[in-house]
PDB file of N, CA and C in Angstrom:
ATOM      1  N   UNK A   1     -14.856 -12.708 -17.010  1.00  0.00           N
ATOM      2  CA  UNK A   1     -13.440 -12.855 -16.739  1.00  0.00           C
ATOM      3  C   UNK A   1     -12.634 -11.822 -17.527  1.00  0.00           C
ATOM      4  N   UNK A   2     -12.941 -11.650 -18.795  1.00  0.00           N
ATOM      5  CA  UNK A   2     -12.186 -10.701 -19.604  1.00  0.00           C
ATOM      6  C   UNK A   2     -12.370  -9.276 -19.100  1.00  0.00           C
ATOM      7  N   UNK A   3     -13.586  -8.927 -18.682  1.00  0.00           N
ATOM      8  CA  UNK A   3     -13.842  -7.572 -18.190  1.00  0.00           C
ATOM      9  C   UNK A   3     -13.019  -7.295 -16.941  1.00  0.00           C
ATOM     10  N   UNK A   4     -12.981  -8.254 -16.006  1.00  0.00           N
ATOM     11  CA  UNK A   4     -12.240  -8.012 -14.773  1.00  0.00           C
ATOM     12  C   UNK A   4     -10.742  -7.921 -15.053  1.00  0.00           C
ATOM     13  N   UNK A   5     -10.232  -8.691 -15.992  1.00  0.00           N
ATOM     14  CA  UNK A   5      -8.812  -8.611 -16.345  1.00  0.00           C
ATOM     15  C   UNK A   5      -8.494  -7.246 -16.938  1.00  0.00           C
ATOM     16  N   UNK A   6      -9.342  -6.755 -17.809  1.00  0.00           N
ATOM     17  CA  UNK A   6      -9.125  -5.451 -18.437  1.00  0.00           C
ATOM     18  C   UNK A   6      -9.177  -4.350 -17.388  1.00  0.00           C
ATOM     19  N   UNK A   7     -10.149  -4.418 -16.483  1.00  0.00           N
ATOM     20  CA  UNK A   7     -10.252  -3.419 -15.427  1.00  0.00           C
ATOM     21  C   UNK A   7      -8.990  -3.425 -14.581  1.00  0.00           C
ATOM     22  N   UNK A   8      -8.526  -4.621 -14.200  1.00  0.00           N
ATOM     23  CA  UNK A   8      -7.313  -4.716 -13.387  1.00  0.00           C
ATOM     24  C   UNK A   8      -6.108  -4.159 -14.131  1.00  0.00           C
ATOM     25  N   UNK A   9      -6.013  -4.435 -15.406  1.00  0.00           N
ATOM     26  CA  UNK A   9      -4.900  -3.944 -16.206  1.00  0.00           C
ATOM     27  C   UNK A   9      -4.925  -2.421 -16.294  1.00  0.00           C
ATOM     28  N   UNK A  10      -6.092  -1.842 -16.497  1.00  0.00           N
ATOM     29  CA  UNK A  10      -6.226  -0.389 -16.579  1.00  0.00           C
ATOM     30  C   UNK A  10      -5.872   0.247 -15.241  1.00  0.00           C
ATOM     31  N   UNK A  11      -6.393  -0.296 -14.149  1.00  0.00           N
ATOM     32  CA  UNK A  11      -6.104   0.251 -12.829  1.00  0.00           C
ATOM     33  C   UNK A  11      -4.625   0.151 -12.509  1.00  0.00           C
ATOM     34  N   UNK A  12      -3.991  -0.955 -12.867  1.00  0.00           N
ATOM     35  CA  UNK A  12      -2.571  -1.119 -12.609  1.00  0.00           C
ATOM     36  C   UNK A  12      -1.759  -0.067 -13.351  1.00  0.00           C
ATOM     37  N   UNK A  13      -2.147   0.229 -14.572  1.00  0.00           N
ATOM     38  CA  UNK A  13      -1.388   1.218 -15.349  1.00  0.00           C
ATOM     39  C   UNK A  13      -1.529   2.624 -14.776  1.00  0.00           C
ATOM     40  N   UNK A  14      -2.640   2.908 -14.098  1.00  0.00           N
ATOM     41  CA  UNK A  14      -2.827   4.227 -13.500  1.00  0.00           C
ATOM     42  C   UNK A  14      -1.879   4.469 -12.335  1.00  0.00           C
ATOM     43  N   UNK A  15      -1.477   3.393 -11.649  1.00  0.00           N
ATOM     44  CA  UNK A  15      -0.691   3.520 -10.437  1.00  0.00           C
ATOM     45  C   UNK A  15       0.706   2.932 -10.610  1.00  0.00           C
ATOM     46  N   UNK A  16       1.368   3.219 -11.694  1.00  0.00           N
ATOM     47  CA  UNK A  16       2.712   2.698 -11.906  1.00  0.00           C
ATOM     48  C   UNK A  16       3.696   3.404 -10.977  1.00  0.00           C
ATOM     49  N   UNK A  17       4.792   2.706 -10.577  1.00  0.00           N
ATOM     50  CA  UNK A  17       5.723   3.288  -9.627  1.00  0.00           C
ATOM     51  C   UNK A  17       6.364   4.585 -10.089  1.00  0.00           C
ATOM     52  N   UNK A  18       6.438   4.806 -11.370  1.00  0.00           N
ATOM     53  CA  UNK A  18       7.052   6.029 -11.871  1.00  0.00           C
ATOM     54  C   UNK A  18       6.252   7.280 -11.556  1.00  0.00           C
ATOM     55  N   UNK A  19       4.999   7.112 -11.094  1.00  0.00           N
ATOM     56  CA  UNK A  19       4.154   8.260 -10.800  1.00  0.00           C
ATOM     57  C   UNK A  19       4.472   8.900  -9.455  1.00  0.00           C
ATOM     58  N   UNK A  20       5.209   8.187  -8.587  1.00  0.00           N
ATOM     59  CA  UNK A  20       5.500   8.699  -7.254  1.00  0.00           C
ATOM     60  C   UNK A  20       7.010   8.785  -7.084  1.00  0.00           C
ATOM     61  N   UNK A  21       7.528   9.970  -6.836  1.00  0.00           N
ATOM     62  CA  UNK A  21       8.959  10.138  -6.633  1.00  0.00           C
ATOM     63  C   UNK A  21       9.214  10.874  -5.331  1.00  0.00           C
ATOM     64  N   UNK A  22      10.241  10.450  -4.616  1.00  0.00           N
ATOM     65  CA  UNK A  22      10.608  11.140  -3.378  1.00  0.00           C
ATOM     66  C   UNK A  22      11.123  12.530  -3.726  1.00  0.00           C
ATOM     67  N   UNK A  23      10.777  13.498  -2.900  1.00  0.00           N
ATOM     68  CA  UNK A  23      11.222  14.865  -3.118  1.00  0.00           C
ATOM     69  C   UNK A  23      12.453  15.122  -2.267  1.00  0.00           C
ATOM     70  N   UNK A  24      13.508  15.673  -2.847  1.00  0.00           N
ATOM     71  CA  UNK A  24      14.713  16.042  -2.120  1.00  0.00           C
ATOM     72  C   UNK A  24      15.274  14.895  -1.288  1.00  0.00           C
ATOM     73  N   UNK A  25      15.234  13.680  -1.820  1.00  0.00           N
ATOM     74  CA  UNK A  25      15.747  12.487  -1.135  1.00  0.00           C
ATOM     75  C   UNK A  25      15.085  12.233   0.211  1.00  0.00           C
ATOM     76  N   UNK A  26      13.880  12.696   0.402  1.00  0.00           N
ATOM     77  CA  UNK A  26      13.141  12.427   1.630  1.00  0.00           C
ATOM     78  C   UNK A  26      12.587  11.001   1.570  1.00  0.00           C
ATOM     79  N   UNK A  27      12.505  10.373   2.723  1.00  0.00           N
ATOM     80  CA  UNK A  27      11.895   9.055   2.801  1.00  0.00           C
ATOM     81  C   UNK A  27      10.393   9.203   2.575  1.00  0.00           C
ATOM     82  N   UNK A  28       9.837   8.340   1.744  1.00  0.00           N
ATOM     83  CA  UNK A  28       8.413   8.373   1.461  1.00  0.00           C
ATOM     84  C   UNK A  28       7.696   7.431   2.422  1.00  0.00           C
ATOM     85  N   UNK A  29       6.605   7.908   2.989  1.00  0.00           N
ATOM     86  CA  UNK A  29       5.767   7.070   3.830  1.00  0.00           C
ATOM     87  C   UNK A  29       4.509   6.751   3.030  1.00  0.00           C
ATOM     88  N   UNK A  30       4.308   5.474   2.745  1.00  0.00           N
ATOM     89  CA  UNK A  30       3.124   5.029   2.023  1.00  0.00           C
ATOM     90  C   UNK A  30       2.076   4.621   3.048  1.00  0.00           C
ATOM     91  N   UNK A  31       0.886   5.178   2.926  1.00  0.00           N
ATOM     92  CA  UNK A  31      -0.186   4.978   3.885  1.00  0.00           C
ATOM     93  C   UNK A  31      -1.281   4.118   3.267  1.00  0.00           C
ATOM     94  N   UNK A  32      -1.585   2.991   3.932  1.00  0.00           N
ATOM     95  CA  UNK A  32      -2.614   2.084   3.426  1.00  0.00           C
ATOM     96  C   UNK A  32      -3.764   2.060   4.438  1.00  0.00           C
ATOM     97  N   UNK A  33      -4.935   2.562   4.059  1.00  0.00           N
ATOM     98  CA  UNK A  33      -6.070   2.580   4.994  1.00  0.00           C
ATOM     99  C   UNK A  33      -6.673   1.187   5.153  1.00  0.00           C
ATOM    100  N   UNK A  34      -7.632   1.089   6.051  1.00  0.00           N
ATOM    101  CA  UNK A  34      -8.354  -0.162   6.238  1.00  0.00           C
ATOM    102  C   UNK A  34      -9.462  -0.314   5.212  1.00  0.00           C
ATOM    103  N   UNK A  35     -10.098  -1.471   5.249  1.00  0.00           N
ATOM    104  CA  UNK A  35     -11.191  -1.756   4.336  1.00  0.00           C
ATOM    105  C   UNK A  35     -12.330  -0.765   4.568  1.00  0.00           C
ATOM    106  N   UNK A  36     -12.866  -0.239   3.505  1.00  0.00           N
ATOM    107  CA  UNK A  36     -13.963   0.710   3.607  1.00  0.00           C
ATOM    108  C   UNK A  36     -13.505   2.128   3.905  1.00  0.00           C
ATOM    109  N   UNK A  37     -12.211   2.341   4.002  1.00  0.00           N
ATOM    110  CA  UNK A  37     -11.668   3.673   4.263  1.00  0.00           C
ATOM    111  C   UNK A  37     -10.851   4.116   3.053  1.00  0.00           C
ATOM    112  N   UNK A  38     -10.461   5.374   3.062  1.00  0.00           N
ATOM    113  CA  UNK A  38      -9.607   5.881   1.996  1.00  0.00           C
ATOM    114  C   UNK A  38      -8.627   6.895   2.580  1.00  0.00           C
ATOM    115  N   UNK A  39      -8.027   7.704   1.744  1.00  0.00           N
ATOM    116  CA  UNK A  39      -6.990   8.653   2.140  1.00  0.00           C
ATOM    117  C   UNK A  39      -7.439   9.592   3.263  1.00  0.00           C
ATOM    118  N   UNK A  40      -8.744   9.824   3.390  1.00  0.00           N
ATOM    119  CA  UNK A  40      -9.246  10.750   4.408  1.00  0.00           C
ATOM    120  C   UNK A  40      -8.943  10.267   5.826  1.00  0.00           C
ATOM    121  N   UNK A  41      -8.697   8.973   5.979  1.00  0.00           N
ATOM    122  CA  UNK A  41      -8.343   8.422   7.285  1.00  0.00           C
ATOM    123  C   UNK A  41      -7.082   9.088   7.834  1.00  0.00           C
ATOM    124  N   UNK A  42      -6.207   9.536   6.956  1.00  0.00           N
ATOM    125  CA  UNK A  42      -4.920  10.101   7.345  1.00  0.00           C
ATOM    126  C   UNK A  42      -4.884  11.633   7.306  1.00  0.00           C
ATOM    127  N   UNK A  43      -6.036  12.271   7.098  1.00  0.00           N
ATOM    128  CA  UNK A  43      -6.040  13.721   6.891  1.00  0.00           C
ATOM    129  C   UNK A  43      -5.508  14.515   8.080  1.00  0.00           C
ATOM    130  N   UNK A  44      -5.632  13.993   9.282  1.00  0.00           N
ATOM    131  CA  UNK A  44      -5.155  14.718  10.461  1.00  0.00           C
ATOM    132  C   UNK A  44      -3.800  14.211  10.952  1.00  0.00           C
ATOM    133  N   UNK A  45      -3.172  13.370  10.180  1.00  0.00           N
ATOM    134  CA  UNK A  45      -1.869  12.831  10.544  1.00  0.00           C
ATOM    135  C   UNK A  45      -0.791  13.872  10.259  1.00  0.00           C
ATOM    136  N   UNK A  46      -0.050  14.251  11.278  1.00  0.00           N
ATOM    137  CA  UNK A  46       1.038  15.211  11.107  1.00  0.00           C
ATOM    138  C   UNK A  46       2.342  14.447  10.930  1.00  0.00           C
ATOM    139  N   UNK A  47       2.907  14.552   9.757  1.00  0.00           N
ATOM    140  CA  UNK A  47       4.143  13.843   9.448  1.00  0.00           C
ATOM    141  C   UNK A  47       5.278  14.851   9.420  1.00  0.00           C
ATOM    142  N   UNK A  48       6.368  14.502  10.059  1.00  0.00           N
ATOM    143  CA  UNK A  48       7.554  15.359  10.109  1.00  0.00           C
ATOM    144  C   UNK A  48       7.960  15.778   8.700  1.00  0.00           C
ATOM    145  N   UNK A  49       8.467  16.984   8.574  1.00  0.00           N
ATOM    146  CA  UNK A  49       8.821  17.525   7.253  1.00  0.00           C
ATOM    147  C   UNK A  49      10.004  16.813   6.600  1.00  0.00           C
ATOM    148  N   UNK A  50      10.673  15.929   7.330  1.00  0.00           N
ATOM    149  CA  UNK A  50      11.767  15.169   6.726  1.00  0.00           C
ATOM    150  C   UNK A  50      11.239  13.968   5.933  1.00  0.00           C
ATOM    151  N   UNK A  51       9.901  13.789   5.940  1.00  0.00           N
ATOM    152  CA  UNK A  51       9.261  12.709   5.190  1.00  0.00           C
ATOM    153  C   UNK A  51       8.269  13.301   4.201  1.00  0.00           C
ATOM    154  N   UNK A  52       7.925  12.493   3.227  1.00  0.00           N
ATOM    155  CA  UNK A  52       6.876  12.824   2.281  1.00  0.00           C
ATOM    156  C   UNK A  52       5.870  11.675   2.368  1.00  0.00           C
ATOM    157  N   UNK A  53       4.580  11.970   2.364  1.00  0.00           N
ATOM    158  CA  UNK A  53       3.597  10.886   2.459  1.00  0.00           C
ATOM    159  C   UNK A  53       2.864  10.706   1.131  1.00  0.00           C
ATOM    160  N   UNK A  54       2.435   9.476   0.929  1.00  0.00           N
ATOM    161  CA  UNK A  54       1.655   9.141  -0.254  1.00  0.00           C
ATOM    162  C   UNK A  54       0.611   8.113   0.151  1.00  0.00           C
ATOM    163  N   UNK A  55      -0.617   8.346  -0.265  1.00  0.00           N
ATOM    164  CA  UNK A  55      -1.691   7.409   0.038  1.00  0.00           C
ATOM    165  C   UNK A  55      -1.777   6.327  -1.032  1.00  0.00           C
ATOM    166  N   UNK A  56      -1.886   5.094  -0.572  1.00  0.00           N
ATOM    167  CA  UNK A  56      -2.121   3.974  -1.476  1.00  0.00           C
ATOM    168  C   UNK A  56      -3.630   3.906  -1.705  1.00  0.00           C
ATOM    169  N   UNK A  57      -4.033   3.850  -2.941  1.00  0.00           N
ATOM    170  CA  UNK A  57      -5.445   3.806  -3.296  1.00  0.00           C
ATOM    171  C   UNK A  57      -5.831   2.377  -3.655  1.00  0.00           C
ATOM    172  N   UNK A  58      -6.914   1.907  -3.055  1.00  0.00           N
ATOM    173  CA  UNK A  58      -7.384   0.563  -3.344  1.00  0.00           C
ATOM    174  C   UNK A  58      -7.896   0.460  -4.761  1.00  0.00           C
ATOM    175  N   UNK A  59      -7.633  -0.666  -5.363  1.00  0.00           N
ATOM    176  CA  UNK A  59      -8.187  -1.013  -6.668  1.00  0.00           C
ATOM    177  C   UNK A  59      -9.151  -2.168  -6.428  1.00  0.00           C
ATOM    178  N   UNK A  60      -9.940  -2.498  -7.400  1.00  0.00           N
ATOM    179  CA  UNK A  60     -10.860  -3.623  -7.278  1.00  0.00           C
ATOM    180  C   UNK A  60     -10.065  -4.898  -7.585  1.00  0.00           C
ATOM    181  N   UNK A  61      -9.999  -5.808  -6.607  1.00  0.00           N
ATOM    182  CA  UNK A  61      -9.233  -7.038  -6.866  1.00  0.00           C
ATOM    183  C   UNK A  61      -9.958  -7.946  -7.855  1.00  0.00           C
ATOM    184  N   UNK A  62      -9.194  -8.691  -8.595  1.00  0.00           N
ATOM    185  CA  UNK A  62      -9.773  -9.653  -9.523  1.00  0.00           C
ATOM    186  C   UNK A  62     -10.290 -10.861  -8.753  1.00  0.00           C
ATOM    187  N   UNK A  63     -11.303 -11.475  -9.268  1.00  0.00           N
ATOM    188  CA  UNK A  63     -11.899 -12.647  -8.630  1.00  0.00           C
ATOM    189  C   UNK A  63     -10.835 -13.739  -8.469  1.00  0.00           C
ATOM    190  N   UNK A  64     -10.776 -14.298  -7.277  1.00  0.00           N
ATOM    191  CA  UNK A  64      -9.853 -15.400  -7.025  1.00  0.00           C
ATOM    192  C   UNK A  64      -8.473 -14.983  -6.540  1.00  0.00           C
ATOM    193  N   UNK A  65      -8.216 -13.671  -6.432  1.00  0.00           N
ATOM    194  CA  UNK A  65      -6.910 -13.214  -5.962  1.00  0.00           C
ATOM    195  C   UNK A  65      -6.719 -13.559  -4.493  1.00  0.00           C
ATOM    196  N   UNK A  66      -5.506 -13.908  -4.140  1.00  0.00           N
ATOM    197  CA  UNK A  66      -5.137 -14.099  -2.741  1.00  0.00           C
ATOM    198  C   UNK A  66      -4.723 -12.746  -2.168  1.00  0.00           C
ATOM    199  N   UNK A  67      -4.481 -12.718  -0.860  1.00  0.00           N
ATOM    200  CA  UNK A  67      -4.008 -11.486  -0.215  1.00  0.00           C
ATOM    201  C   UNK A  67      -2.660 -11.085  -0.821  1.00  0.00           C
ATOM    202  N   UNK A  68      -1.814 -12.069  -1.108  1.00  0.00           N
ATOM    203  CA  UNK A  68      -0.508 -11.786  -1.721  1.00  0.00           C
ATOM    204  C   UNK A  68      -0.682 -11.174  -3.106  1.00  0.00           C
ATOM    205  N   UNK A  69      -1.599 -11.718  -3.892  1.00  0.00           N
ATOM    206  CA  UNK A  69      -1.857 -11.170  -5.229  1.00  0.00           C
ATOM    207  C   UNK A  69      -2.283  -9.707  -5.136  1.00  0.00           C
ATOM    208  N   UNK A  70      -3.170  -9.436  -4.189  1.00  0.00           N
ATOM    209  CA  UNK A  70      -3.666  -8.067  -4.039  1.00  0.00           C
ATOM    210  C   UNK A  70      -2.567  -7.136  -3.540  1.00  0.00           C
ATOM    211  N   UNK A  71      -1.745  -7.623  -2.624  1.00  0.00           N
ATOM    212  CA  UNK A  71      -0.620  -6.816  -2.132  1.00  0.00           C
ATOM    213  C   UNK A  71       0.343  -6.500  -3.277  1.00  0.00           C
ATOM    214  N   UNK A  72       0.587  -7.461  -4.141  1.00  0.00           N
ATOM    215  CA  UNK A  72       1.469  -7.225  -5.294  1.00  0.00           C
ATOM    216  C   UNK A  72       0.864  -6.195  -6.234  1.00  0.00           C
ATOM    217  N   UNK A  73      -0.441  -6.259  -6.427  1.00  0.00           N
ATOM    218  CA  UNK A  73      -1.128  -5.270  -7.269  1.00  0.00           C
ATOM    219  C   UNK A  73      -0.959  -3.870  -6.694  1.00  0.00           C
ATOM    220  N   UNK A  74      -1.239  -3.710  -5.403  1.00  0.00           N
ATOM    221  CA  UNK A  74      -1.150  -2.394  -4.775  1.00  0.00           C
ATOM    222  C   UNK A  74       0.285  -1.900  -4.667  1.00  0.00           C
ATOM    223  N   UNK A  75       1.226  -2.814  -4.584  1.00  0.00           N
ATOM    224  CA  UNK A  75       2.633  -2.414  -4.459  1.00  0.00           C
ATOM    225  C   UNK A  75       3.144  -1.714  -5.716  1.00  0.00           C
ATOM    226  N   UNK A  76       2.392  -1.807  -6.795  1.00  0.00           N
ATOM    227  CA  UNK A  76       2.745  -1.077  -8.009  1.00  0.00           C
ATOM    228  C   UNK A  76       2.703   0.432  -7.817  1.00  0.00           C
ATOM    229  N   UNK A  77       2.084   0.884  -6.730  1.00  0.00           N
ATOM    230  CA  UNK A  77       2.015   2.314  -6.419  1.00  0.00           C
ATOM    231  C   UNK A  77       3.224   2.780  -5.605  1.00  0.00           C
ATOM    232  N   UNK A  78       4.113   1.853  -5.282  1.00  0.00           N
ATOM    233  CA  UNK A  78       5.265   2.171  -4.437  1.00  0.00           C
ATOM    234  C   UNK A  78       6.518   2.281  -5.288  1.00  0.00           C
ATOM    235  N   UNK A  79       7.222   3.392  -5.126  1.00  0.00           N
ATOM    236  CA  UNK A  79       8.499   3.596  -5.811  1.00  0.00           C
ATOM    237  C   UNK A  79       9.585   2.986  -4.924  1.00  0.00           C
ATOM    238  N   UNK A  80      10.123   1.869  -5.340  1.00  0.00           N
ATOM    239  CA  UNK A  80      11.127   1.167  -4.537  1.00  0.00           C
ATOM    240  C   UNK A  80      12.555   1.640  -4.822  1.00  0.00           C
ATOM    241  N   UNK A  81      12.707   2.653  -5.662  1.00  0.00           N
ATOM    242  CA  UNK A  81      14.052   3.123  -6.006  1.00  0.00           C
ATOM    243  C   UNK A  81      14.610   4.106  -4.976  1.00  0.00           C
ATOM    244  N   UNK A  82      13.778   4.507  -4.022  1.00  0.00           N
ATOM    245  CA  UNK A  82      14.247   5.393  -2.956  1.00  0.00           C
ATOM    246  C   UNK A  82      13.762   4.834  -1.618  1.00  0.00           C
ATOM    247  N   UNK A  83      14.221   5.447  -0.516  1.00  0.00           N
ATOM    248  CA  UNK A  83      13.851   4.967   0.813  1.00  0.00           C
ATOM    249  C   UNK A  83      12.348   5.155   1.044  1.00  0.00           C
ATOM    250  N   UNK A  84      11.749   4.144   1.691  1.00  0.00           N
ATOM    251  CA  UNK A  84      10.320   4.250   1.972  1.00  0.00           C
ATOM    252  C   UNK A  84       9.935   3.418   3.189  1.00  0.00           C
ATOM    253  N   UNK A  85       8.816   3.818   3.772  1.00  0.00           N
ATOM    254  CA  UNK A  85       8.211   3.156   4.923  1.00  0.00           C
ATOM    255  C   UNK A  85       6.764   2.892   4.543  1.00  0.00           C
ATOM    256  N   UNK A  86       6.212   1.782   5.019  1.00  0.00           N
ATOM    257  CA  UNK A  86       4.807   1.482   4.770  1.00  0.00           C
ATOM    258  C   UNK A  86       4.070   1.474   6.107  1.00  0.00           C
ATOM    259  N   UNK A  87       2.964   2.217   6.172  1.00  0.00           N
ATOM    260  CA  UNK A  87       2.097   2.209   7.352  1.00  0.00           C
ATOM    261  C   UNK A  87       0.730   1.722   6.902  1.00  0.00           C
ATOM    262  N   UNK A  88       0.222   0.696   7.584  1.00  0.00           N
ATOM    263  CA  UNK A  88      -1.093   0.166   7.252  1.00  0.00           C
ATOM    264  C   UNK A  88      -1.974   0.055   8.472  1.00  0.00           C
ATOM    265  N   UNK A  89      -3.238   0.362   8.290  1.00  0.00           N
ATOM    266  CA  UNK A  89      -4.225   0.263   9.354  1.00  0.00           C
ATOM    267  C   UNK A  89      -5.206  -0.852   9.007  1.00  0.00           C
ATOM    268  N   UNK A  90      -5.452  -1.755   9.954  1.00  0.00           N
ATOM    269  CA  UNK A  90      -6.397  -2.851   9.804  1.00  0.00           C
ATOM    270  C   UNK A  90      -6.039  -3.688   8.565  1.00  0.00           C
ATOM    271  N   UNK A  91      -6.920  -3.776   7.577  1.00  0.00           N
ATOM    272  CA  UNK A  91      -6.608  -4.529   6.365  1.00  0.00           C
ATOM    273  C   UNK A  91      -5.337  -3.988   5.712  1.00  0.00           C
ATOM    274  N   UNK A  92      -5.141  -2.689   5.779  1.00  0.00           N
ATOM    275  CA  UNK A  92      -3.925  -2.083   5.232  1.00  0.00           C
ATOM    276  C   UNK A  92      -2.673  -2.605   5.914  1.00  0.00           C
ATOM    277  N   UNK A  93      -2.772  -2.907   7.207  1.00  0.00           N
ATOM    278  CA  UNK A  93      -1.647  -3.490   7.930  1.00  0.00           C
ATOM    279  C   UNK A  93      -1.340  -4.890   7.451  1.00  0.00           C
ATOM    280  N   UNK A  94      -2.380  -5.656   7.178  1.00  0.00           N
ATOM    281  CA  UNK A  94      -2.179  -7.017   6.663  1.00  0.00           C
ATOM    282  C   UNK A  94      -1.549  -6.969   5.269  1.00  0.00           C
ATOM    283  N   UNK A  95      -1.995  -6.029   4.453  1.00  0.00           N
ATOM    284  CA  UNK A  95      -1.415  -5.872   3.115  1.00  0.00           C
ATOM    285  C   UNK A  95       0.035  -5.399   3.212  1.00  0.00           C
ATOM    286  N   UNK A  96       0.314  -4.500   4.150  1.00  0.00           N
ATOM    287  CA  UNK A  96       1.692  -4.022   4.349  1.00  0.00           C
ATOM    288  C   UNK A  96       2.600  -5.182   4.751  1.00  0.00           C
ATOM    289  N   UNK A  97       2.106  -6.061   5.610  1.00  0.00           N
ATOM    290  CA  UNK A  97       2.881  -7.225   6.021  1.00  0.00           C
ATOM    291  C   UNK A  97       3.149  -8.141   4.834  1.00  0.00           C
ATOM    292  N   UNK A  98       2.140  -8.343   4.001  1.00  0.00           N
ATOM    293  CA  UNK A  98       2.331  -9.145   2.783  1.00  0.00           C
ATOM    294  C   UNK A  98       3.386  -8.507   1.883  1.00  0.00           C
ATOM    295  N   UNK A  99       3.323  -7.179   1.732  1.00  0.00           N
ATOM    296  CA  UNK A  99       4.295  -6.474   0.890  1.00  0.00           C
ATOM    297  C   UNK A  99       5.711  -6.651   1.426  1.00  0.00           C
ATOM    298  N   UNK A 100       5.836  -6.745   2.735  1.00  0.00           N
ATOM    299  CA  UNK A 100       7.145  -6.932   3.346  1.00  0.00           C
ATOM    300  C   UNK A 100       7.818  -8.219   2.931  1.00  0.00           C
ATOM    301  N   UNK A 101       7.024  -9.197   2.463  1.00  0.00           N
ATOM    302  CA  UNK A 101       7.593 -10.471   2.008  1.00  0.00           C
ATOM    303  C   UNK A 101       8.305 -10.352   0.665  1.00  0.00           C
ATOM    304  N   UNK A 102       7.949  -9.339  -0.133  1.00  0.00           N
ATOM    305  CA  UNK A 102       8.589  -9.226  -1.452  1.00  0.00           C
ATOM    306  C   UNK A 102       9.162  -7.837  -1.736  1.00  0.00           C
ATOM    307  N   UNK A 103       8.920  -6.868  -0.866  1.00  0.00           N
ATOM    308  CA  UNK A 103       9.531  -5.546  -0.986  1.00  0.00           C
ATOM    309  C   UNK A 103      10.561  -5.392   0.130  1.00  0.00           C
ATOM    310  N   UNK A 104      11.301  -4.321   0.090  1.00  0.00           N
ATOM    311  CA  UNK A 104      12.327  -4.092   1.108  1.00  0.00           C
ATOM    312  C   UNK A 104      12.191  -2.691   1.713  1.00  0.00           C
ATOM    313  N   UNK A 105      11.082  -2.432   2.427  1.00  0.00           N
ATOM    314  CA  UNK A 105      10.932  -1.101   3.039  1.00  0.00           C
ATOM    315  C   UNK A 105      11.860  -0.956   4.238  1.00  0.00           C
ATOM    316  N   UNK A 106      12.148   0.287   4.608  1.00  0.00           N
ATOM    317  CA  UNK A 106      12.949   0.524   5.812  1.00  0.00           C
ATOM    318  C   UNK A 106      12.206   0.033   7.046  1.00  0.00           C
ATOM    319  N   UNK A 107      10.903   0.286   7.077  1.00  0.00           N
ATOM    320  CA  UNK A 107      10.058  -0.131   8.189  1.00  0.00           C
ATOM    321  C   UNK A 107       8.670  -0.439   7.673  1.00  0.00           C
ATOM    322  N   UNK A 108       7.975  -1.304   8.411  1.00  0.00           N
ATOM    323  CA  UNK A 108       6.553  -1.524   8.207  1.00  0.00           C
ATOM    324  C   UNK A 108       5.905  -1.279   9.561  1.00  0.00           C
ATOM    325  N   UNK A 109       4.916  -0.410   9.581  1.00  0.00           N
ATOM    326  CA  UNK A 109       4.201  -0.102  10.820  1.00  0.00           C
ATOM    327  C   UNK A 109       2.755  -0.511  10.615  1.00  0.00           C
ATOM    328  N   UNK A 110       2.267  -1.386  11.508  1.00  0.00           N
ATOM    329  CA  UNK A 110       0.867  -1.785  11.409  1.00  0.00           C
ATOM    330  C   UNK A 110       0.114  -1.255  12.630  1.00  0.00           C
ATOM    331  N   UNK A 111      -1.077  -0.757  12.388  1.00  0.00           N
ATOM    332  CA  UNK A 111      -1.903  -0.152  13.424  1.00  0.00           C
ATOM    333  C   UNK A 111      -3.260  -0.856  13.424  1.00  0.00           C
ATOM    334  N   UNK A 112      -3.686  -1.284  14.610  1.00  0.00           N
ATOM    335  CA  UNK A 112      -4.984  -1.976  14.751  1.00  0.00           C
ATOM    336  C   UNK A 112      -5.113  -3.094  13.729  1.00  0.00           C
ATOM    337  N   UNK A 113      -4.106  -3.927  13.659  1.00  0.00           N
ATOM    338  CA  UNK A 113      -4.063  -4.981  12.668  1.00  0.00           C
ATOM    339  C   UNK A 113      -3.340  -6.185  13.247  1.00  0.00           C
ATOM    340  N   UNK A 114      -3.044  -7.138  12.406  1.00  0.00           N
ATOM    341  CA  UNK A 114      -2.316  -8.332  12.794  1.00  0.00           C
ATOM    342  C   UNK A 114      -1.375  -8.739  11.670  1.00  0.00           C
ATOM    343  N   UNK A 115      -0.316  -9.437  12.012  1.00  0.00           N
ATOM    344  CA  UNK A 115       0.666  -9.846  11.012  1.00  0.00           C
ATOM    345  C   UNK A 115       0.174 -10.982  10.128  1.00  0.00           C
ATOM    346  N   UNK A 116      -0.652 -11.861  10.701  1.00  0.00           N
ATOM    347  CA  UNK A 116      -1.112 -13.032   9.935  1.00  0.00           C
ATOM    348  C   UNK A 116      -2.449 -13.522  10.473  1.00  0.00           C
ATOM    349  N   UNK A 117      -3.098 -14.397   9.721  1.00  0.00           N
ATOM    350  CA  UNK A 117      -4.414 -14.929  10.063  1.00  0.00           C
ATOM    351  C   UNK A 117      -4.411 -15.646  11.411  1.00  0.00           C
ATOM    352  N   UNK A 118      -3.321 -16.320  11.733  1.00  0.00           N
ATOM    353  CA  UNK A 118      -3.239 -17.084  12.973  1.00  0.00           C
ATOM    354  C   UNK A 118      -3.282 -16.186  14.221  1.00  0.00           C
ATOM    355  N   UNK A 119      -2.995 -14.919  14.061  1.00  0.00           N
ATOM    356  CA  UNK A 119      -2.989 -13.977  15.185  1.00  0.00           C
ATOM    357  C   UNK A 119      -4.327 -13.279  15.388  1.00  0.00           C
ATOM    358  N   UNK A 120      -5.305 -13.567  14.513  1.00  0.00           N
ATOM    359  CA  UNK A 120      -6.622 -12.957  14.667  1.00  0.00           C
ATOM    360  C   UNK A 120      -7.297 -13.495  15.924  1.00  0.00           C
ATOM    361  N   UNK A 121      -8.017 -12.652  16.673  1.00  0.00           N
ATOM    362  CA  UNK A 121      -8.696 -13.135  17.883  1.00  0.00           C
ATOM    363  C   UNK A 121      -9.867 -14.054  17.542  1.00  0.00           C
TER     364      UNK A 121
END
């Protein structure tokens, strides 16, 4: 238990919101990949130059965390002091939806995902 808490604490400190700042007041698009994927999922995504993109990096969740707990952990990588949009694919979409419950993004876009467990096929 102590090891997992320390790991979570260290990982959280690496991704503090102060590490990501919007450039020239551009809206930041935060990209959350699906389970088993990483930033490379978005490598061919062409984003308009009026936006800046940032990849959300998965951390190892602590034992017993709920989806909300994990979304709160990952949301530490989001700078909420400027305009932002969250895009999530698959599990990333579910996490983006969870983040929408406690963050205030301009938009949340989910791709190949669902808003809640009840909508799963």
